[in-house]
């Protein structure tokens, strides 16, 4: 299984929030934004900051997908 943060970026679009605004408000580095864009590992601490800032649940910003399906997204 792999993690996809596609839901996060859709949520940001729906709420008209840029990744830079989220980064500044949640207090994490630009490196985390890059990791999110690449569906790379992000610590639970960063996930917690994002969810707290957006007032949402984890399932609103990420989903687990089979590795084979991730390549076709």
Protein backbone atom coordinates (compact mmCIF):
# COMPACT_ATOMS: atom_id res chain seq x y z
CA UNK A 1 0.00 0.00 0.00
CA UNK A 2 1.02 3.55 -0.67
CA UNK A 3 -0.28 6.94 0.44
CA UNK A 4 -1.82 9.49 -1.89
CA UNK A 5 -2.31 13.12 -0.84
CA UNK A 6 -4.52 13.91 -3.82
CA UNK A 7 -7.43 14.60 -1.45
CA UNK A 8 -5.40 17.29 0.31
CA UNK A 9 -4.76 19.20 -2.90
CA UNK A 10 -8.42 18.88 -3.91
CA UNK A 11 -9.45 20.22 -0.49
CA UNK A 12 -7.07 23.17 -0.87
CA UNK A 13 -8.59 23.98 -4.26
CA UNK A 14 -12.12 23.74 -2.85
CA UNK A 15 -11.21 26.09 0.00
CA UNK A 16 -9.18 28.43 -2.21
CA UNK A 17 -6.03 27.95 -0.12
CA UNK A 18 -2.57 27.84 -1.65
CA UNK A 19 0.09 25.38 -0.54
CA UNK A 20 2.19 28.33 0.64
CA UNK A 21 -0.66 29.61 2.81
CA UNK A 22 -1.16 26.15 4.31
CA UNK A 23 2.57 25.81 4.88
CA UNK A 24 2.76 29.15 6.70
CA UNK A 25 -0.39 28.62 8.77
CA UNK A 26 0.46 25.04 9.75
CA UNK A 27 4.11 25.86 10.40
CA UNK A 28 5.99 23.30 8.34
CA UNK A 29 8.79 23.61 5.79
CA UNK A 30 8.63 23.75 2.01
CA UNK A 31 10.27 20.33 2.03
CA UNK A 32 7.04 18.85 3.43
CA UNK A 33 5.04 20.40 0.59
CA UNK A 34 7.39 18.75 -1.90
CA UNK A 35 7.01 15.41 -0.12
CA UNK A 36 3.21 15.75 -0.22
CA UNK A 37 3.26 16.52 -3.95
CA UNK A 38 5.38 13.42 -4.55
CA UNK A 39 3.26 11.19 -2.27
CA UNK A 40 6.35 10.55 -0.14
CA UNK A 41 6.46 9.79 3.59
CA UNK A 42 5.26 12.65 5.81
CA UNK A 43 5.44 12.43 9.59
CA UNK A 44 2.32 12.17 11.71
CA UNK A 45 3.35 15.44 13.33
CA UNK A 46 3.05 17.20 9.96
CA UNK A 47 -0.23 15.44 9.18
CA UNK A 48 -1.56 16.58 12.56
CA UNK A 49 -0.54 20.19 11.84
CA UNK A 50 -2.29 20.10 8.48
CA UNK A 51 -5.49 18.58 9.86
CA UNK A 52 -5.54 21.01 12.76
CA UNK A 53 -5.05 23.99 10.46
CA UNK A 54 -7.69 22.83 7.98
CA UNK A 55 -10.00 21.55 10.75
CA UNK A 56 -10.44 18.23 9.01
CA UNK A 57 -9.74 14.55 9.54
CA UNK A 58 -6.89 12.46 8.21
CA UNK A 59 -9.22 10.73 5.75
CA UNK A 60 -9.99 14.14 4.25
CA UNK A 61 -6.39 14.68 3.15
CA UNK A 62 -4.96 11.25 2.38
CA UNK A 63 -5.89 7.80 1.22
CA UNK A 64 -4.15 4.48 1.01
CA UNK A 65 -3.93 3.04 -2.49
CA UNK A 66 -2.36 -0.13 -3.89
CA UNK A 67 1.10 0.58 -5.33
CA UNK A 68 0.04 -0.53 -8.84
CA UNK A 69 -2.93 1.86 -8.84
CA UNK A 70 -0.76 4.80 -7.67
CA UNK A 71 1.32 4.64 -10.86
CA UNK A 72 -1.78 5.04 -13.01
CA UNK A 73 -3.08 8.11 -11.12
